[in-house]
Amino acid sequence: MIHIQEEAARCLLCADAPCSKACKNGDPARAIRAIRFGNQAIAGQWLSQAGEAELEAAEKACIHYDRPIRIREISKALPAAPVKASMPSLAIDFCGIRCENPFFLASSAVCTNYEMVARAFEAGWAGVFYKTICLQEIREVSPRFDAVRNDANSSFIGFRNMEQLSENPVEMDFDILRRLKKDYPSKIVVASIMGQTEEEWEKLARMAEEAGCDAVELNFSCPQMRMTGMGSDVGQDPELVTFFTANVKRSVSIPVIPKMTPNIAHISEPAMGAYFAGADAISAINTIKSVTLGEGSEVNGCQTGSGYSGKAVKPIALRHILAMVKNPIMKNIQYSGIGGIETWRDALEFIQLGCRNVQVCTAVMQYGYRIIDDMILGMQNYMAGRGISDIADLVGELLPKFYLPHDLDRDTVVFPKIDREKCIGCGRCYTSCADGGHQAISFGEDRQPRVNGSRCVGCLLCRLVCPSGAISLAKRIPKKS
């Protein structure tokens, strides 16, 4: 049986995909993209009407380095797509604003002009946090991006960028925002701004309100500003966060959303400054200060540190969201989650920790606006499967499960359980347990791993390294004294 995820990972996700052009009654590219972005259970709907000859033609049309994607085998391995009469709405309120779904573009290179944002709106994104506007002259370096890659399919594990703020004249950017709101009144337009003085923050915020923006985001977090007293210089100082947030709140009547930096030990400190200044919501996180040394990291022979984003930062972003949401002082404030979101499942994790919307950047840079299709469909399908009609019911639902480390159960243990039918005899579990665990797995000439219960401590490293999903959890039992 073909490993669907592994095969789909080989797909180049072509633009205007030749495989789908060659398949009259199916859309192989859409099916494979659904698998890549967390919708394997419903991917079959794009192949179910295609005949064997069509799928064979699609394979022949496939663009790839070595061999075509095995579309026919993928089609046979996919489950029948469930038929649902209707799908739940993803509409949700954020800062008193009704949003058609929780998916927004993050303030970044993915939203720098009218045409880009308009295409994103047409694709289905609910709103935009437009690229940060400032009054200073912005001059960018070249090149300014680098990536840490997955060697298997060249996708980004992490992404580093040295880009700063919008290079457009201020008046041009606010005219763009004005036109976007006029042409797409149901979409949410948020101006991200950054000032260097009290007067600059107030001026930019008023310009945002005059342009018809729904809200204003205060960028206290950009990690690579060349001017002092801007970006993360502000976000690391709770007093400055309080001061500038309060000034902006006095200047405008639209919601004010400070954006926090992760480049700090305790994110709740500046977040509380924003809270006490009257912030309506908090965005978090911006990119993490980092260094990469790949081929794309040099600028005319020179190196520097800059911001890191992508899949690798999601656990760090979730940790910062949790710290703020669990802060007992900060009540009745909303959150916009950012960091490593590629699929609807990623977005769900932020929502389940208390975010009412999420912002996406790196995934769009790598795969395009089209990923919104699977974000929307995946979230709707998940909600329908659970019988949930209002996405707001998911907000913060996992918070009761979070405890301090010393409060966790340390009196029981759960051992690994090996499914012999799924086990392929690779021995990865044995190697990892022997060299990185507790030497609790034996591996003989029959290439079958066996767990020694007297040595196993239930760390479940074996389950994490198993490539075939053959290791699951047995029943939790009390530890032997």
Protein backbone atom coordinates (compact mmCIF):
# COMPACT_ATOMS: atom_id res chain seq x y z
CA MET A 1 0.00 0.00 0.00
CA ILE A 2 1.30 3.44 -0.95
CA HIS A 3 2.16 5.86 1.89
CA ILE A 4 -0.12 8.73 0.88
CA GLN A 5 1.54 11.49 2.90
CA GLU A 6 5.01 10.49 1.76
CA GLU A 7 3.98 10.43 -1.91
CA ALA A 8 2.08 13.72 -1.69
CA ALA A 9 5.13 15.33 -0.07
CA ARG A 10 7.02 14.74 -3.31
CA CYS A 11 4.58 16.94 -5.26
CA LEU A 12 5.99 20.29 -6.37
CA LEU A 13 2.56 21.96 -5.98
CA CYS A 14 2.89 23.41 -9.47
CA ALA A 15 1.16 26.59 -10.58
CA ASP A 16 -1.49 25.89 -13.24
CA ALA A 17 -0.77 22.19 -12.68
CA PRO A 18 -0.40 20.12 -15.87
CA CYS A 19 -1.70 16.99 -14.12
CA SER A 20 -5.09 18.59 -13.52
CA LYS A 21 -5.21 19.97 -17.05
CA ALA A 22 -4.81 16.42 -18.34
CA CYS A 23 -7.64 15.08 -16.15
CA LYS A 24 -11.05 16.10 -17.46
CA ASN A 25 -13.18 14.71 -14.63
CA GLY A 26 -10.81 15.19 -11.73
CA ASP A 27 -8.34 17.58 -10.15
CA PRO A 28 -5.26 15.64 -9.01
CA ALA A 29 -3.36 18.78 -8.01
CA ARG A 30 -6.19 19.85 -5.71
CA ALA A 31 -6.41 16.38 -4.17
CA ILE A 32 -2.67 16.26 -3.49
CA ARG A 33 -2.72 19.77 -2.03
CA ALA A 34 -5.54 18.68 0.27
CA ILE A 35 -3.37 15.81 1.51
CA ARG A 36 -0.39 18.11 2.03
CA PHE A 37 -2.41 20.57 4.08
CA GLY A 38 -4.20 18.23 6.46
CA ASN A 39 -7.30 17.16 4.53
CA GLN A 40 -6.49 13.58 3.56
CA ALA A 41 -9.88 12.37 4.78
CA ILE A 42 -11.73 14.46 2.21
CA ALA A 43 -9.16 14.61 -0.61
CA GLY A 44 -10.83 11.79 -2.52
CA GLN A 45 -13.63 14.06 -3.75
CA TRP A 46 -11.29 15.55 -6.36
CA LEU A 47 -10.43 12.15 -7.84
CA SER A 48 -13.56 10.10 -7.39
CA GLN A 49 -15.03 10.90 -10.83
CA ALA A 50 -11.81 10.43 -12.80
CA GLY A 51 -11.25 7.22 -14.74
CA GLU A 52 -8.08 5.14 -14.87
CA ALA A 53 -7.10 6.51 -18.29
CA GLU A 54 -7.47 10.11 -17.10
CA LEU A 55 -5.36 9.49 -14.02
CA GLU A 56 -2.72 7.81 -16.16
CA ALA A 57 -2.69 10.88 -18.43
CA ALA A 58 -2.31 13.07 -15.35
CA GLU A 59 0.72 11.06 -14.25
CA LYS A 60 2.32 11.45 -17.67
CA ALA A 61 1.79 15.21 -17.46
CA CYS A 62 3.33 15.45 -13.96
CA ILE A 63 6.34 17.73 -13.64
CA HIS A 64 9.03 16.28 -11.40
CA TYR A 65 12.77 15.82 -11.06
CA ASP A 66 12.86 12.03 -11.20
CA ARG A 67 9.50 10.23 -11.48
CA PRO A 68 5.84 11.32 -11.61
CA ILE A 69 3.62 11.36 -8.56
CA ARG A 70 1.74 8.04 -8.39
CA ILE A 71 -1.67 9.62 -8.79
CA ARG A 72 -3.49 6.37 -9.60
CA GLU A 73 -2.21 4.69 -6.46
CA ILE A 74 -3.05 7.74 -4.36
CA SER A 75 -6.58 7.66 -5.73
CA LYS A 76 -7.04 3.99 -4.79
CA ALA A 77 -5.62 4.52 -1.29
CA LEU A 78 -7.75 7.55 -0.40
CA PRO A 79 -10.90 6.97 1.63
CA ALA A 80 -14.24 7.82 0.06
CA ALA A 81 -14.92 11.48 0.71
CA PRO A 82 -17.80 11.97 3.17
CA VAL A 83 -20.85 13.78 1.82
CA LYS A 84 -22.12 16.56 4.10
CA ALA A 85 -25.33 18.43 3.43
CA SER A 86 -23.96 21.67 4.85
CA MET A 87 -20.80 22.93 6.48
CA PRO A 88 -20.65 25.14 9.57
CA SER A 89 -19.90 28.82 9.29
CA LEU A 90 -16.46 30.01 10.40
CA ALA A 91 -17.66 33.55 11.19
CA ILE A 92 -16.28 34.94 14.45
CA ASP A 93 -16.15 38.28 16.27
CA PHE A 94 -12.77 39.89 16.90
CA CYS A 95 -12.59 43.19 18.79
CA GLY A 96 -16.30 43.62 18.10
CA ILE A 97 -15.76 43.17 14.35
CA ARG A 98 -17.52 40.35 12.52
CA CYS A 99 -15.02 38.32 10.47
CA GLU A 100 -16.13 35.76 7.86
CA ASN A 101 -13.44 33.37 9.10
CA PRO A 102 -10.45 33.54 11.48
CA PHE A 103 -7.76 33.51 8.75
CA PHE A 104 -5.80 36.73 8.14
CA LEU A 105 -2.64 37.69 6.28
CA ALA A 106 0.13 38.73 8.67
CA SER A 107 1.86 42.09 8.27
CA SER A 108 4.72 41.12 5.95
CA ALA A 109 5.85 40.66 2.37
CA VAL A 110 2.60 38.84 1.53
CA CYS A 111 0.58 42.08 1.65
CA THR A 112 2.50 45.05 0.28
CA ASN A 113 0.16 46.51 -2.37
CA TYR A 114 -3.47 46.69 -3.49
CA GLU A 115 -3.29 43.95 -6.09
CA MET A 116 -1.81 41.37 -3.69
CA VAL A 117 -4.36 41.94 -0.96
CA ALA A 118 -7.25 42.04 -3.44
CA ARG A 119 -6.22 38.62 -4.79
CA ALA A 120 -6.02 37.28 -1.24
CA PHE A 121 -9.50 38.61 -0.46
CA GLU A 122 -10.86 37.04 -3.65
CA ALA A 123 -9.26 33.74 -2.63
CA GLY A 124 -11.13 33.72 0.68
CA TRP A 125 -8.91 35.34 3.34
CA ALA A 126 -11.05 37.20 5.86
CA GLY A 127 -8.70 40.10 6.43
CA VAL A 128 -5.24 41.59 6.34
CA PHE A 129 -2.81 43.09 8.79
CA TYR A 130 -1.17 45.23 6.11
CA LYS A 131 2.61 45.53 5.96
CA THR A 132 3.82 47.94 8.65
CA ILE A 133 3.74 51.61 7.70
CA CYS A 134 6.24 54.11 9.14
CA LEU A 135 7.43 57.66 8.49
CA GLN A 136 11.08 56.72 8.04
CA GLU A 137 12.73 55.91 4.71
CA ILE A 138 13.03 52.14 4.34
CA ARG A 139 15.86 50.75 2.25
CA GLU A 140 16.03 46.96 2.11
CA VAL A 141 19.03 44.68 1.59
CA SER A 142 19.45 42.09 -1.16
CA PRO A 143 19.07 39.18 -0.81
CA ARG A 144 16.99 39.30 2.35
CA PHE A 145 15.59 35.78 2.77
CA ASP A 146 17.13 32.46 3.81
CA ALA A 147 15.61 29.11 4.75
CA VAL A 148 16.32 25.97 6.75
CA ARG A 149 14.97 23.21 4.52
CA ASN A 150 13.57 19.71 4.71
CA ASP A 151 16.04 17.81 2.54
CA ALA A 152 13.36 15.33 1.45
CA ASN A 153 11.15 17.84 -0.40
CA SER A 154 12.90 21.21 -0.01
CA SER A 155 10.03 22.73 1.99
CA PHE A 156 10.85 25.27 4.68
CA ILE A 157 11.39 24.01 8.21
CA GLY A 158 12.23 27.55 9.20
CA PHE A 159 12.48 30.83 7.30
CA ARG A 160 14.71 33.80 8.04
CA ASN A 161 14.12 37.27 6.69
CA MET A 162 15.83 40.63 7.01
CA GLU A 163 12.93 42.61 5.57
CA GLN A 164 11.82 45.65 7.52
CA LEU A 165 8.70 47.75 6.84
CA SER A 166 6.77 49.06 3.84
CA GLU A 167 8.93 50.88 1.30
CA ASN A 168 5.91 52.76 -0.09
CA PRO A 169 5.31 56.43 0.67
CA VAL A 170 2.98 56.75 3.65
CA GLU A 171 0.23 58.46 1.65
CA MET A 172 0.32 55.65 -0.93
CA ASP A 173 -0.12 52.94 1.69
CA PHE A 174 -3.09 54.62 3.34
CA ASP A 175 -4.67 55.22 -0.07
CA ILE A 176 -4.27 51.48 -0.73
CA LEU A 177 -5.99 50.67 2.56
CA ARG A 178 -8.77 53.14 1.78
CA ARG A 179 -9.39 51.52 -1.61
CA LEU A 180 -9.28 48.02 -0.17
CA LYS A 181 -11.93 48.83 2.41
CA LYS A 182 -14.10 50.57 -0.20
CA ASP A 183 -13.84 47.72 -2.71
CA TYR A 184 -14.09 44.89 -0.14
CA PRO A 185 -16.36 46.24 2.63
CA SER A 186 -16.95 42.78 4.16
CA LYS A 187 -13.21 42.13 4.57
CA ILE A 188 -11.25 43.31 7.61
CA VAL A 189 -8.48 45.83 6.93
CA VAL A 190 -6.00 46.42 9.76
CA ALA A 191 -3.19 48.97 9.42
CA SER A 192 0.05 47.91 11.07
CA ILE A 193 2.05 50.98 12.08
CA MET A 194 5.37 51.80 13.74
CA GLY A 195 6.46 55.16 15.09
CA GLN A 196 9.62 56.41 16.71
CA THR A 197 8.07 59.17 18.81
CA GLU A 198 4.75 59.81 20.52
CA GLU A 199 3.76 62.20 17.74
CA GLU A 200 4.55 59.66 15.00
CA TRP A 201 2.49 56.90 16.62
CA GLU A 202 -0.49 59.23 17.01
CA LYS A 203 -0.22 60.61 13.47
CA LEU A 204 -0.08 57.18 11.84
CA ALA A 205 -2.96 55.87 13.95
CA ARG A 206 -5.17 58.83 12.98
CA MET A 207 -4.27 58.33 9.31
CA ALA A 208 -5.32 54.69 9.62
CA GLU A 209 -8.67 55.64 11.11
CA GLU A 210 -9.24 58.33 8.46
CA ALA A 211 -8.52 55.74 5.75
CA GLY A 212 -11.41 53.64 7.05
CA CYS A 213 -9.33 50.84 8.61
CA ASP A 214 -11.18 48.52 10.97
CA ALA A 215 -8.34 48.49 13.51
CA VAL A 216 -4.71 49.44 13.98
CA GLU A 217 -1.87 47.11 14.98
CA LEU A 218 1.11 48.58 16.82
CA ASN A 219 4.33 46.90 15.71
CA PHE A 220 6.39 46.78 18.90
CA SER A 221 8.27 43.72 17.72
CA CYS A 222 10.16 43.87 14.41
CA PRO A 223 13.58 42.32 15.22
CA GLN A 224 15.66 43.88 12.44
CA MET A 225 15.05 47.63 12.49
CA ARG A 226 18.17 49.65 11.64
CA MET A 227 16.84 52.65 13.60
CA THR A 228 17.07 52.59 17.40
CA GLY A 229 13.97 53.05 19.50
CA MET A 230 11.75 51.11 17.09
CA GLY A 231 10.44 47.58 16.73
CA SER A 232 11.55 45.09 19.38
CA ASP A 233 13.46 47.88 21.16
CA VAL A 234 10.02 49.07 22.25
CA GLY A 235 8.47 45.64 22.75
CA GLN A 236 11.13 44.66 25.29
CA ASP A 237 10.32 47.69 27.46
CA PRO A 238 6.95 47.41 29.26
CA GLU A 239 6.93 51.13 30.08
CA LEU A 240 7.29 52.12 26.43
CA VAL A 241 4.61 49.62 25.42
CA THR A 242 2.25 51.14 27.98
CA PHE A 243 3.13 54.71 26.99
CA PHE A 244 2.71 54.34 23.23
CA THR A 245 -0.38 52.12 23.50
CA ALA A 246 -2.09 54.65 25.76
CA ASN A 247 -1.22 57.49 23.39
CA VAL A 248 -2.68 55.68 20.40
CA LYS A 249 -5.82 54.69 22.36
CA ARG A 250 -6.41 58.37 23.14
CA SER A 251 -5.94 59.29 19.48
CA VAL A 252 -8.40 56.93 17.75
CA SER A 253 -11.70 55.20 18.35
CA ILE A 254 -10.95 52.02 16.35
CA PRO A 255 -9.55 48.93 18.13
CA VAL A 256 -5.84 49.06 19.02
CA ILE A 257 -3.81 45.84 18.83
CA PRO A 258 -0.18 45.88 20.08
CA LYS A 259 2.06 43.20 18.54
CA MET A 260 4.41 41.48 20.99
CA THR A 261 8.00 40.38 20.50
CA PRO A 262 9.09 36.83 21.43
CA ASN A 263 12.62 38.09 22.02
CA ILE A 264 12.06 38.43 25.73
CA ALA A 265 12.02 36.08 28.73
CA HIS A 266 8.55 36.96 30.01
CA ILE A 267 6.15 38.14 27.31
CA SER A 268 3.46 38.85 29.91
CA GLU A 269 5.39 41.87 31.17
CA PRO A 270 5.03 44.05 28.04
CA ALA A 271 1.65 42.43 27.36
CA MET A 272 0.40 43.65 30.74
CA GLY A 273 1.68 47.10 29.83
CA ALA A 274 -0.51 46.99 26.72
CA TYR A 275 -3.42 45.62 28.75
CA PHE A 276 -3.30 48.38 31.37
CA ALA A 277 -3.05 50.97 28.59
CA GLY A 278 -6.40 49.79 27.26
CA ALA A 279 -5.41 47.59 24.32
CA ASP A 280 -8.36 45.84 22.70
CA ALA A 281 -6.35 42.77 21.65
CA ILE A 282 -2.78 41.50 21.39
CA SER A 283 -1.00 40.01 18.38
CA ALA A 284 1.77 37.49 19.02
CA ILE A 285 4.35 36.59 18.01
CA ASN A 286 6.64 38.39 15.62
CA THR A 287 9.75 36.65 14.32
CA ILE A 288 12.49 35.29 16.57
CA LYS A 289 15.99 36.74 16.42
CA SER A 290 18.24 34.19 14.75
CA VAL A 291 21.31 33.45 12.66
CA THR A 292 21.46 31.20 9.60
CA LEU A 293 24.58 30.50 7.59
CA GLY A 294 23.15 29.15 4.35
CA GLU A 295 24.00 30.30 0.86
CA GLY A 296 21.26 32.90 0.93
CA SER A 297 22.27 34.46 4.22
CA GLU A 298 25.03 36.80 3.02
CA VAL A 299 24.53 40.38 1.92
CA ASN A 300 27.48 41.33 -0.25
CA GLY A 301 29.80 39.18 1.85
CA CYS A 302 28.39 40.28 5.22
CA GLN A 303 26.27 38.41 7.78
CA THR A 304 23.78 39.56 10.41
CA GLY A 305 21.07 38.26 12.70
CA SER A 306 17.41 38.68 11.80
CA GLY A 307 13.92 37.25 12.20
CA TYR A 308 13.05 33.52 12.09
CA SER A 309 9.58 32.18 11.26
CA GLY A 310 7.88 29.13 9.78
CA LYS A 311 7.00 25.70 11.17
CA ALA A 312 9.92 25.65 13.60
CA VAL A 313 8.61 28.56 15.66
CA LYS A 314 5.04 27.33 16.25
CA PRO A 315 5.72 25.66 19.64
CA ILE A 316 7.45 28.83 20.81
CA ALA A 317 4.56 30.99 19.63
CA LEU A 318 2.06 28.73 21.40
CA ARG A 319 4.10 28.94 24.59
CA HIS A 320 3.94 32.75 24.51
CA ILE A 321 0.19 32.74 23.79
CA LEU A 322 -0.37 30.37 26.71
CA ALA A 323 1.67 32.58 29.06
CA MET A 324 -0.51 35.59 28.27
CA VAL A 325 -3.85 33.81 28.24
CA LYS A 326 -3.15 32.11 31.57
CA ASN A 327 -2.10 35.40 33.20
CA PRO A 328 -4.87 35.96 35.80
CA ILE A 329 -4.46 39.73 35.61
CA MET A 330 -5.16 40.04 31.89
CA LYS A 331 -8.90 39.43 31.57
CA ASN A 332 -11.30 40.38 28.78
CA ILE A 333 -8.63 40.92 26.16
CA GLN A 334 -8.51 39.07 22.86
CA TYR A 335 -5.60 37.49 20.96
CA SER A 336 -4.46 37.14 17.39
CA GLY A 337 -2.07 34.19 17.00
CA ILE A 338 0.96 34.18 14.71
CA GLY A 339 3.83 31.76 14.18
CA GLY A 340 4.33 28.67 12.01
CA ILE A 341 0.75 28.29 10.81
CA GLU A 342 0.54 26.24 7.59
CA THR A 343 -2.59 24.13 7.98
CA TRP A 344 -6.00 24.35 9.60
CA ARG A 345 -4.68 22.06 12.34
CA ASP A 346 -1.99 24.62 13.17
CA ALA A 347 -4.62 27.35 13.29
CA LEU A 348 -6.83 25.17 15.48
CA GLU A 349 -4.09 24.89 18.10
CA PHE A 350 -3.87 28.68 18.44
CA ILE A 351 -7.65 28.94 18.64
CA GLN A 352 -7.87 26.20 21.26
CA LEU A 353 -5.37 28.16 23.38
CA GLY A 354 -7.51 31.30 23.24
CA CYS A 355 -6.93 33.13 19.93
CA ARG A 356 -9.93 34.46 18.02
CA ASN A 357 -8.03 34.77 14.76
CA VAL A 358 -4.70 33.76 13.28
CA GLN A 359 -2.24 35.47 10.96
CA VAL A 360 -0.26 33.65 8.27
CA CYS A 361 2.90 34.75 6.46
CA THR A 362 5.63 32.18 5.76
CA ALA A 363 3.26 29.51 4.47
CA VAL A 364 1.81 32.00 1.99
CA MET A 365 5.30 33.00 0.88
CA GLN A 366 6.07 29.35 0.16
CA TYR A 367 2.74 28.04 -1.18
CA GLY A 368 0.63 31.06 -2.12
CA TYR A 369 -2.77 32.40 -1.11
CA ARG A 370 -4.39 29.15 -2.32
CA ILE A 371 -3.75 27.46 1.04
CA ILE A 372 -6.81 29.28 2.35
CA ASP A 373 -8.98 26.69 0.58
CA ASP A 374 -7.71 23.87 2.77
CA MET A 375 -7.69 26.01 5.90
CA ILE A 376 -11.38 26.79 5.49
CA LEU A 377 -12.45 23.34 4.33
CA GLY A 378 -10.38 21.53 6.93
CA MET A 379 -11.70 23.61 9.82
CA GLN A 380 -15.29 23.22 8.62
CA ASN A 381 -14.90 19.47 8.25
CA TYR A 382 -13.37 19.21 11.74
CA MET A 383 -16.20 21.20 13.27
CA ALA A 384 -18.83 19.18 11.42
CA GLY A 385 -17.23 15.97 12.66
CA ARG A 386 -17.49 17.19 16.24
CA GLY A 387 -20.97 18.62 15.83
CA ILE A 388 -19.78 22.19 16.50
CA SER A 389 -21.67 24.98 14.72
CA ASP A 390 -19.88 28.02 16.18
CA ILE A 391 -16.09 28.28 15.92
CA ALA A 392 -16.11 30.53 18.99
CA ASP A 393 -16.85 27.39 21.01
CA LEU A 394 -13.30 26.21 20.22
CA VAL A 395 -11.64 29.34 21.60
CA GLY A 396 -9.62 28.40 24.68
CA GLU A 397 -11.11 24.92 25.01
CA LEU A 398 -7.75 23.31 25.82
CA LEU A 399 -6.76 25.76 28.56
CA PRO A 400 -8.22 23.63 31.41
CA LYS A 401 -5.77 20.86 30.43
CA PHE A 402 -2.68 22.94 31.14
CA TYR A 403 -0.96 22.51 34.50
CA LEU A 404 2.38 23.44 35.99
CA PRO A 405 5.03 20.69 35.64
CA HIS A 406 4.96 19.81 39.33
CA ASP A 407 1.19 19.18 39.14
CA LEU A 408 1.40 16.51 36.41
CA ASP A 409 0.66 12.84 37.12
CA ARG A 410 3.89 11.08 38.08
CA ASP A 411 2.32 7.97 39.61
CA THR A 412 1.20 6.16 36.45
CA VAL A 413 2.86 5.02 33.24
CA VAL A 414 1.76 4.20 29.70
CA PHE A 415 3.80 1.69 27.68
CA PRO A 416 4.19 1.41 23.89
CA LYS A 417 2.00 -1.01 21.96
CA ILE A 418 3.33 -2.40 18.65
CA ASP A 419 0.98 -3.18 15.77
CA ARG A 420 2.68 -6.12 14.02
CA GLU A 421 0.73 -5.57 10.81
CA LYS A 422 1.95 -2.00 10.45
CA CYS A 423 5.51 -2.68 11.62
CA ILE A 424 7.91 -2.84 8.64
CA GLY A 425 10.90 -4.09 10.65
CA CYS A 426 13.14 -1.08 10.10
CA GLY A 427 14.49 -1.08 13.66
CA ARG A 428 14.29 2.67 14.16
CA CYS A 429 12.59 2.22 17.52
CA TYR A 430 15.34 -0.15 18.66
CA THR A 431 18.14 2.21 17.63
CA SER A 432 16.60 5.27 19.28
CA CYS A 433 15.73 3.40 22.48
CA ALA A 434 19.22 1.89 22.69
CA ASP A 435 21.12 5.11 22.08
CA GLY A 436 18.72 7.77 23.32
CA GLY A 437 16.31 5.99 25.64
CA HIS A 438 16.37 3.21 28.23
CA GLN A 439 17.52 0.14 26.25
CA ALA A 440 14.05 -1.38 26.59
CA ILE A 441 13.59 -2.70 23.04
CA SER A 442 15.22 -5.82 21.63
CA PHE A 443 15.57 -6.49 17.91
CA GLY A 444 16.38 -9.98 16.62
CA GLU A 445 16.99 -11.72 13.31
CA ASP A 446 13.25 -11.79 12.61
CA ARG A 447 13.42 -7.93 12.54
CA GLN A 448 10.59 -7.65 15.06
CA PRO A 449 11.03 -5.18 17.94
CA ARG A 450 9.97 -6.36 21.39
CA VAL A 451 9.47 -4.21 24.45
CA ASN A 452 11.03 -5.21 27.77
CA GLY A 453 8.50 -4.01 30.34
CA SER A 454 10.96 -4.18 33.22
CA ARG A 455 13.21 -1.59 31.54
CA CYS A 456 10.65 0.55 29.72
CA VAL A 457 9.82 3.85 31.46
CA GLY A 458 7.06 4.93 29.07
CA CYS A 459 8.92 7.86 27.50
CA LEU A 460 7.43 6.89 24.10
CA LEU A 461 10.45 8.04 22.08
CA CYS A 462 9.87 4.90 20.02
CA ARG A 463 6.45 6.10 18.93
CA LEU A 464 7.88 9.41 17.73
CA VAL A 465 10.57 7.85 15.52
CA CYS A 466 8.44 5.05 14.02
CA PRO A 467 8.01 5.87 10.31
CA SER A 468 5.01 3.58 9.75
CA GLY A 469 2.79 4.57 12.68
CA ALA A 470 3.02 1.08 14.14
CA ILE A 471 3.50 2.16 17.75
CA SER A 472 0.59 3.41 19.82
CA LEU A 473 -0.23 3.67 23.53
CA ALA A 474 -1.24 0.82 25.78
CA LYS A 475 -3.54 1.33 28.75
CA ARG A 476 -2.22 3.68 31.47
CA ILE A 477 -1.44 1.79 34.67
CA PRO A 478 -0.01 2.59 38.12
CA LYS A 479 3.76 2.56 38.40
CA LYS A 480 5.31 -0.29 40.34
CA SER A 481 6.92 0.84 43.54
